[in-house]
């Protein structure tokens, strides 16, 4: 745990300093994107924050490759380097989009290229986690295509949720922390000789980099992570999930001191539930209106919260709370009896549903509330 926390701290410190540098350069050179109708800010703000996040991840991974214990992850394993190469490519694509506002299909090509780099030289899906038995993917080409598709979907999900100051970074911190604890606990309590783990390291550096970035991005934001940062987080979270689900057939999760095999299957979806839900709703909404699924609008979940009366900070904190329930509510199944977890999760969801709708409910006439 100490080495993972040191890598997390390294990522946080480097990310904080690099984000400050990116902010100064962006302001000095006036590298601002035009303010759009859906934007929540009225003054030009740099979107180069993704460079700071990437710097934290890059330095932490390079340090890890030469550090005690975690360097075993890199031994005879091209996976981390393939993921890092894909991350570098998606950051370049994101920066180009942040500065030049690329056409949606150009950005999609860039996303697909980065995802294929990861799927070819990094990590890829070897199983589809069906319940009760996972389906093993034996076709190499199919494995690459499915991996790339999952990564592109996750990148766009995180990109869609990045609409309020501090929202995407905070969701990544909360979800990544739950993912980190699960991956670490599994390896810590398993009987494998090498207890170092790529998924644990990836989530540690993602959480650390987002922690370092968040002070610059908290409302009122001084810099945005931009598409480069949001897509980078999505790529790394998807990669960590692929690593974890790939370990199911090894029996690792069966030996992990009672950790149910279903946890690594469900937790990535729980962590990414809000971004993926927002993505699905956006695609349905835009398609129903006869528009491209990639066309921007002001109909995301966080926009709806603002529309019913939440403040900027209030909407962000509410999304944080929902992420906590989904992420740690899923993690709790690995620790406590499922009957207790279900009861607590249902109660927490009901309370949060009322809290979420309260600004709208209090505007209704007294008679309408009781109906």
Protein backbone atom coordinates (compact mmCIF):
# COMPACT_ATOMS: atom_id res chain seq x y z
CA UNK A 1 0.00 0.00 0.00
CA UNK A 2 2.85 2.42 0.83
CA UNK A 3 4.29 2.29 -2.70
CA UNK A 4 0.89 2.84 -4.31
CA UNK A 5 0.25 5.80 -2.02
CA UNK A 6 3.69 7.22 -2.86
CA UNK A 7 2.86 6.97 -6.57
CA UNK A 8 -0.48 8.62 -5.88
CA UNK A 9 1.24 11.43 -3.97
CA UNK A 10 3.80 11.85 -6.75
CA UNK A 11 1.04 12.14 -9.34
CA UNK A 12 -0.79 14.69 -7.19
CA UNK A 13 2.24 16.92 -6.63
CA UNK A 14 3.37 16.82 -10.26
CA UNK A 15 -0.17 17.34 -11.53
CA UNK A 16 -0.70 20.35 -9.26
CA UNK A 17 2.54 21.99 -10.40
CA UNK A 18 2.11 21.09 -14.08
CA UNK A 19 -1.49 22.32 -14.11
CA UNK A 20 -0.32 25.63 -12.67
CA UNK A 21 2.27 25.80 -15.46
CA UNK A 22 -0.30 24.94 -18.14
CA UNK A 23 -2.59 27.60 -16.70
CA UNK A 24 0.13 30.26 -16.86
CA UNK A 25 1.11 29.32 -20.42
CA UNK A 26 -2.51 29.20 -21.56
CA UNK A 27 -3.24 32.61 -20.10
CA UNK A 28 -0.02 34.18 -21.35
CA UNK A 29 -0.54 32.93 -24.93
CA UNK A 30 -4.32 33.41 -24.73
CA UNK A 31 -4.97 29.82 -25.74
CA UNK A 32 -8.71 30.06 -25.13
CA UNK A 33 -11.56 28.34 -26.89
CA UNK A 34 -14.52 30.48 -27.96
CA UNK A 35 -17.26 30.65 -25.33
CA UNK A 36 -20.19 28.49 -26.44
CA UNK A 37 -23.88 28.88 -25.61
CA UNK A 38 -23.84 25.74 -23.44
CA UNK A 39 -20.78 26.82 -21.43
CA UNK A 40 -21.25 27.74 -17.77
CA UNK A 41 -18.57 30.45 -17.73
CA UNK A 42 -18.63 33.92 -19.22
CA UNK A 43 -14.90 34.73 -19.31
CA UNK A 44 -12.24 32.98 -21.42
CA UNK A 45 -10.54 30.12 -19.54
CA UNK A 46 -7.76 27.85 -20.77
CA UNK A 47 -8.64 24.21 -21.49
CA UNK A 48 -5.10 22.88 -21.19
CA UNK A 49 -5.58 21.24 -17.78
CA UNK A 50 -5.34 17.81 -19.34
CA UNK A 51 -1.64 18.44 -19.87
CA UNK A 52 -1.18 18.82 -16.12
CA UNK A 53 -3.10 15.61 -15.41
CA UNK A 54 -1.06 13.72 -18.01
CA UNK A 55 2.20 15.06 -16.57
CA UNK A 56 1.28 13.66 -13.16
CA UNK A 57 0.40 10.27 -14.60
CA UNK A 58 3.50 10.15 -16.81
CA UNK A 59 5.97 11.00 -14.04
CA UNK A 60 4.31 8.64 -11.56
CA UNK A 61 4.38 5.70 -13.99
CA UNK A 62 7.98 6.35 -14.99
CA UNK A 63 8.95 6.51 -11.32
CA UNK A 64 6.98 3.35 -10.61
CA UNK A 65 8.84 1.46 -13.35
CA UNK A 66 12.04 1.95 -11.33
CA UNK A 67 10.67 1.69 -7.79
CA UNK A 68 10.60 -1.12 -5.27
CA UNK A 69 7.68 -3.56 -5.56
CA UNK A 70 5.67 -1.73 -8.24
CA UNK A 71 8.46 -2.10 -10.81
CA UNK A 72 7.48 -5.78 -11.03
CA UNK A 73 4.37 -4.63 -12.90
CA UNK A 74 6.60 -3.50 -15.79
CA UNK A 75 8.79 -6.62 -15.84
CA UNK A 76 8.32 -8.53 -19.11
CA UNK A 77 5.05 -6.67 -19.57
CA UNK A 78 4.40 -4.20 -22.39
CA UNK A 79 0.91 -3.43 -21.08
CA UNK A 80 1.78 -0.29 -19.07
CA UNK A 81 3.77 1.16 -21.96
CA UNK A 82 1.01 0.46 -24.46
CA UNK A 83 -1.49 2.20 -22.17
CA UNK A 84 0.89 5.14 -21.75
CA UNK A 85 1.35 5.41 -25.53
CA UNK A 86 -2.42 5.43 -26.05
CA UNK A 87 -2.74 8.04 -23.29
CA UNK A 88 -0.16 10.29 -24.95
CA UNK A 89 -1.97 10.04 -28.27
CA UNK A 90 -5.38 10.87 -26.81
CA UNK A 91 -3.93 13.88 -25.00
CA UNK A 92 -2.61 15.21 -28.32
CA UNK A 93 -6.01 14.68 -29.91
CA UNK A 94 -7.72 16.36 -26.98
CA UNK A 95 -5.43 19.39 -26.99
CA UNK A 96 -6.00 19.80 -30.74
CA UNK A 97 -9.75 19.68 -30.17
CA UNK A 98 -9.57 22.12 -27.25
CA UNK A 99 -7.65 24.64 -29.36
CA UNK A 100 -9.09 24.05 -32.83
CA UNK A 101 -12.56 22.57 -32.12
CA UNK A 102 -12.16 19.53 -34.35
CA UNK A 103 -15.08 18.04 -36.25
CA UNK A 104 -16.69 15.18 -34.34
CA UNK A 105 -15.61 12.55 -36.87
CA UNK A 106 -11.99 13.73 -36.74
CA UNK A 107 -12.01 13.42 -32.97
CA UNK A 108 -13.62 9.98 -33.21
CA UNK A 109 -10.83 8.83 -35.52
CA UNK A 110 -8.28 10.08 -32.98
CA UNK A 111 -10.11 8.31 -30.15
CA UNK A 112 -10.24 5.09 -32.12
CA UNK A 113 -6.52 5.30 -32.93
CA UNK A 114 -5.60 5.78 -29.25
CA UNK A 115 -7.91 2.93 -28.21
CA UNK A 116 -6.41 0.61 -30.83
CA UNK A 117 -2.90 1.43 -29.56
CA UNK A 118 -3.97 0.31 -26.08
CA UNK A 119 -5.79 -2.77 -27.40
CA UNK A 120 -2.88 -3.83 -29.59
CA UNK A 121 0.14 -3.09 -27.41
CA UNK A 122 -1.38 -2.47 -23.99
CA UNK A 123 -4.24 -4.49 -22.53
CA UNK A 124 -7.28 -6.05 -24.12
CA UNK A 125 -10.41 -7.93 -23.16
CA UNK A 126 -9.95 -11.67 -23.00
CA UNK A 127 -13.33 -12.42 -21.46
CA UNK A 128 -16.82 -10.96 -21.42
CA UNK A 129 -17.94 -11.04 -17.78
CA UNK A 130 -21.28 -12.80 -18.07
CA UNK A 131 -22.85 -14.23 -14.94
CA UNK A 132 -22.53 -16.97 -13.71
CA UNK A 133 -19.76 -17.98 -16.13
CA UNK A 134 -17.61 -15.51 -18.10
CA UNK A 135 -17.35 -15.93 -21.87
CA UNK A 136 -13.78 -16.35 -23.08
CA UNK A 137 -12.88 -14.39 -26.23
CA UNK A 138 -10.68 -16.65 -28.34
CA UNK A 139 -10.57 -14.54 -31.51
CA UNK A 140 -7.66 -12.08 -31.35
CA UNK A 141 -9.16 -9.54 -33.75
CA UNK A 142 -12.51 -9.59 -31.93
CA UNK A 143 -10.72 -9.00 -28.65
CA UNK A 144 -8.99 -5.90 -30.04
CA UNK A 145 -12.20 -4.50 -31.54
CA UNK A 146 -14.22 -4.99 -28.33
CA UNK A 147 -11.45 -3.47 -26.23
CA UNK A 148 -11.18 -0.42 -28.47
CA UNK A 149 -14.96 0.00 -28.47
CA UNK A 150 -15.12 -0.10 -24.68
CA UNK A 151 -12.30 2.43 -24.34
CA UNK A 152 -13.86 4.85 -26.86
CA UNK A 153 -17.22 4.60 -25.08
CA UNK A 154 -15.68 5.30 -21.68
CA UNK A 155 -13.65 8.23 -23.01
CA UNK A 156 -16.78 9.84 -24.42
CA UNK A 157 -18.72 9.15 -21.22
CA UNK A 158 -16.17 11.05 -19.13
CA UNK A 159 -15.99 13.76 -21.75
CA UNK A 160 -19.76 14.25 -21.64
CA UNK A 161 -19.85 14.59 -17.86
CA UNK A 162 -17.15 17.25 -17.84
CA UNK A 163 -19.52 20.22 -17.85
CA UNK A 164 -19.20 21.83 -14.42
CA UNK A 165 -16.16 23.02 -12.50
CA UNK A 166 -14.66 20.11 -10.57
CA UNK A 167 -17.27 17.57 -11.68
CA UNK A 168 -15.28 15.13 -13.83
CA UNK A 169 -12.19 15.30 -11.60
CA UNK A 170 -14.21 14.68 -8.45
CA UNK A 171 -16.14 11.79 -9.97
CA UNK A 172 -12.84 10.25 -11.09
CA UNK A 173 -11.37 10.65 -7.58
CA UNK A 174 -14.36 9.02 -5.86
CA UNK A 175 -14.84 6.23 -8.38
CA UNK A 176 -11.12 5.67 -8.75
CA UNK A 177 -10.68 5.41 -4.98
CA UNK A 178 -13.31 2.68 -4.76
CA UNK A 179 -11.72 0.87 -7.69
CA UNK A 180 -8.25 1.25 -6.15
CA UNK A 181 -9.32 -0.21 -2.80
CA UNK A 182 -10.99 -3.19 -4.46
CA UNK A 183 -8.04 -4.03 -6.70
CA UNK A 184 -5.57 -3.61 -3.85
CA UNK A 185 -7.60 -5.72 -1.40
CA UNK A 186 -7.92 -8.56 -3.90
CA UNK A 187 -4.18 -8.82 -4.48
CA UNK A 188 -3.27 -8.20 -0.85
CA UNK A 189 -5.37 -11.18 0.27
CA UNK A 190 -4.69 -13.56 -2.61
CA UNK A 191 -2.14 -16.39 -2.56
CA UNK A 192 -0.27 -15.27 -5.70
CA UNK A 193 3.45 -14.67 -5.24
CA UNK A 194 3.54 -11.34 -7.11
CA UNK A 195 1.07 -9.04 -5.38
CA UNK A 196 1.82 -6.01 -7.56
CA UNK A 197 -1.05 -5.10 -9.86
CA UNK A 198 -1.43 -2.83 -12.90
CA UNK A 199 -5.09 -1.96 -12.22
CA UNK A 200 -4.23 -0.83 -8.69
CA UNK A 201 -1.34 1.30 -9.96
CA UNK A 202 -3.41 2.89 -12.75
CA UNK A 203 -6.25 3.87 -10.44
CA UNK A 204 -3.76 5.21 -7.88
CA UNK A 205 -2.09 7.57 -10.36
CA UNK A 206 -5.43 8.65 -11.84
CA UNK A 207 -6.76 9.54 -8.39
CA UNK A 208 -3.52 11.32 -7.50
CA UNK A 209 -3.43 13.37 -10.70
CA UNK A 210 -7.07 14.40 -10.32
CA UNK A 211 -6.44 15.39 -6.68
CA UNK A 212 -3.60 17.62 -7.84
CA UNK A 213 -5.74 19.11 -10.61
CA UNK A 214 -8.94 19.72 -8.61
CA UNK A 215 -7.77 22.81 -6.63
CA UNK A 216 -7.27 24.61 -9.95
CA UNK A 217 -10.63 23.43 -11.27
CA UNK A 218 -12.90 23.96 -8.26
CA UNK A 219 -15.59 26.60 -8.77
CA UNK A 220 -14.83 29.22 -9.88
CA UNK A 221 -12.43 27.35 -12.13
CA UNK A 222 -9.09 28.82 -13.15
CA UNK A 223 -8.46 26.15 -15.82
CA UNK A 224 -10.45 23.33 -17.43
CA UNK A 225 -9.21 19.78 -18.04
CA UNK A 226 -10.64 20.00 -21.54
CA UNK A 227 -11.21 17.03 -23.82
CA UNK A 228 -7.58 16.01 -23.31
CA UNK A 229 -8.06 15.48 -19.58
CA UNK A 230 -11.53 13.93 -19.71
CA UNK A 231 -10.64 11.46 -22.46
CA UNK A 232 -7.37 10.60 -20.71
CA UNK A 233 -9.23 9.72 -17.51
CA UNK A 234 -11.71 7.63 -19.46
CA UNK A 235 -8.94 5.73 -21.25
CA UNK A 236 -7.11 4.90 -18.03
CA UNK A 237 -10.25 3.93 -16.10
CA UNK A 238 -11.33 1.66 -18.94
CA UNK A 239 -7.86 0.10 -19.06
CA UNK A 240 -7.93 -0.57 -15.32
CA UNK A 241 -11.35 -2.20 -15.66
CA UNK A 242 -10.12 -4.40 -18.50
CA UNK A 243 -7.16 -5.55 -16.39
CA UNK A 244 -9.44 -6.41 -13.47
CA UNK A 245 -12.04 -8.34 -15.45
CA UNK A 246 -9.25 -10.19 -17.24
CA UNK A 247 -8.20 -11.67 -13.91
CA UNK A 248 -11.54 -13.35 -13.20
CA UNK A 249 -10.82 -16.63 -14.96
CA UNK A 250 -7.45 -16.87 -13.19
CA UNK A 251 -9.26 -17.67 -9.95
CA UNK A 252 -7.61 -14.67 -8.29
CA UNK A 253 -10.89 -13.21 -7.10
CA UNK A 254 -12.09 -16.57 -5.83
CA UNK A 255 -9.07 -16.77 -3.52
CA UNK A 256 -9.21 -13.21 -2.29
CA UNK A 257 -10.48 -13.83 1.22
CA UNK A 258 -14.14 -13.98 0.30
CA UNK A 259 -14.20 -11.19 -2.31
CA UNK A 260 -17.04 -12.31 -4.59
CA UNK A 261 -16.17 -12.81 -8.24
CA UNK A 262 -19.05 -10.55 -9.21
CA UNK A 263 -17.40 -7.46 -7.67
CA UNK A 264 -14.79 -6.84 -10.40
CA UNK A 265 -17.59 -7.28 -12.94
CA UNK A 266 -20.00 -4.80 -11.39
CA UNK A 267 -17.69 -2.20 -9.85
CA UNK A 268 -16.42 -0.64 -13.12
CA UNK A 269 -20.02 -0.22 -14.24
CA UNK A 270 -21.00 1.24 -10.86
CA UNK A 271 -18.10 3.70 -10.95
CA UNK A 272 -18.90 4.74 -14.52
CA UNK A 273 -22.69 4.60 -14.16
CA UNK A 274 -23.32 8.35 -14.15
CA UNK A 275 -21.01 9.13 -17.10
CA UNK A 276 -22.39 6.20 -19.10
CA UNK A 277 -26.00 7.13 -18.24
CA UNK A 278 -25.37 10.70 -19.35
CA UNK A 279 -23.80 9.42 -22.58
CA UNK A 280 -26.75 7.12 -23.36
CA UNK A 281 -29.32 9.82 -22.63
CA UNK A 282 -27.45 12.29 -24.82
CA UNK A 283 -27.32 9.85 -27.75
CA UNK A 284 -31.04 9.06 -27.46
CA UNK A 285 -31.99 12.72 -27.02
CA UNK A 286 -29.98 13.97 -29.99
CA UNK A 287 -30.94 11.10 -32.27
CA UNK A 288 -34.63 11.63 -31.48
CA UNK A 289 -34.25 15.26 -32.56
CA UNK A 290 -32.65 14.19 -35.82
CA UNK A 291 -29.21 15.46 -34.80
CA UNK A 292 -25.83 13.79 -34.69
CA UNK A 293 -25.17 11.92 -31.41
CA UNK A 294 -21.91 13.88 -31.22
CA UNK A 295 -23.50 17.32 -31.55
CA UNK A 296 -23.22 19.38 -28.36
CA UNK A 297 -26.21 20.61 -26.38
CA UNK A 298 -27.24 21.78 -22.93
CA UNK A 299 -29.23 18.74 -21.87
CA UNK A 300 -26.77 16.82 -19.71
CA UNK A 301 -27.60 15.64 -16.19
CA UNK A 302 -25.64 18.48 -14.58
CA UNK A 303 -27.49 21.01 -16.73
CA UNK A 304 -30.81 19.57 -15.54
CA UNK A 305 -29.72 20.00 -11.92
CA UNK A 306 -28.95 23.66 -12.56
CA UNK A 307 -32.29 24.10 -14.32
CA UNK A 308 -34.31 22.85 -11.33
CA UNK A 309 -32.56 25.24 -8.97
CA UNK A 310 -29.22 23.87 -7.79
CA UNK A 311 -26.23 26.17 -7.54
CA UNK A 312 -23.06 25.32 -9.44
CA UNK A 313 -21.34 23.91 -6.34
CA UNK A 314 -24.55 22.25 -5.17
CA UNK A 315 -24.98 20.34 -8.43
CA UNK A 316 -21.36 19.16 -8.33
CA UNK A 317 -21.60 17.98 -4.71
CA UNK A 318 -24.84 16.16 -5.50
CA UNK A 319 -23.15 14.31 -8.36
CA UNK A 320 -20.31 13.46 -5.97
CA UNK A 321 -22.79 11.94 -3.50
CA UNK A 322 -24.43 9.86 -6.20
CA UNK A 323 -21.02 8.60 -7.28
CA UNK A 324 -20.21 7.67 -3.66
CA UNK A 325 -23.40 5.63 -3.36
CA UNK A 326 -22.81 3.81 -6.63
CA UNK A 327 -19.08 3.20 -6.20
CA UNK A 328 -18.82 2.42 -2.50
CA UNK A 329 -22.25 0.81 -2.47
CA UNK A 330 -20.86 -1.67 -4.98
CA UNK A 331 -17.61 -2.10 -3.06
CA UNK A 332 -19.56 -2.86 0.13
CA UNK A 333 -20.78 -6.14 -1.36
CA UNK A 334 -17.22 -7.44 -1.05
CA UNK A 335 -17.09 -6.68 2.68
CA UNK A 336 -20.55 -6.99 4.25
CA UNK A 337 -23.45 -9.48 3.88
CA UNK A 338 -25.37 -8.71 0.71
CA UNK A 339 -28.69 -8.40 2.54
CA UNK A 340 -27.35 -5.52 4.64
CA UNK A 341 -25.71 -3.83 1.67
CA UNK A 342 -28.88 -4.01 -0.43
CA UNK A 343 -30.95 -2.52 2.40
CA UNK A 344 -28.49 0.33 2.98
CA UNK A 345 -28.06 1.00 -0.75
CA UNK A 346 -31.82 1.13 -1.32
CA UNK A 347 -32.31 3.46 1.65
CA UNK A 348 -29.45 5.74 0.54
CA UNK A 349 -30.79 5.82 -3.02
CA UNK A 350 -34.27 6.74 -1.81
CA UNK A 351 -32.93 9.55 0.36
CA UNK A 352 -30.76 10.87 -2.45
CA UNK A 353 -33.66 10.73 -4.89
CA UNK A 354 -35.71 12.97 -2.60
CA UNK A 355 -32.75 15.30 -2.02
CA UNK A 356 -32.11 15.50 -5.77
CA UNK A 357 -35.71 16.35 -6.59
CA UNK A 358 -36.28 18.66 -3.61
CA UNK A 359 -35.62 22.00 -5.38
CA UNK A 360 -38.26 21.00 -7.92
CA UNK A 361 -40.71 19.54 -5.39
CA UNK A 362 -40.74 22.63 -3.20
CA UNK A 363 -41.87 24.76 -6.15
CA UNK A 364 -45.01 22.65 -6.60
CA UNK A 365 -48.31 23.70 -5.02
CA UNK A 366 -49.09 21.86 -1.74
CA UNK A 367 -51.84 19.85 -3.39
CA UNK A 368 -49.61 18.65 -6.19
CA UNK A 369 -46.98 17.31 -3.77
CA UNK A 370 -49.45 14.98 -2.05
CA UNK A 371 -50.85 13.54 -5.26
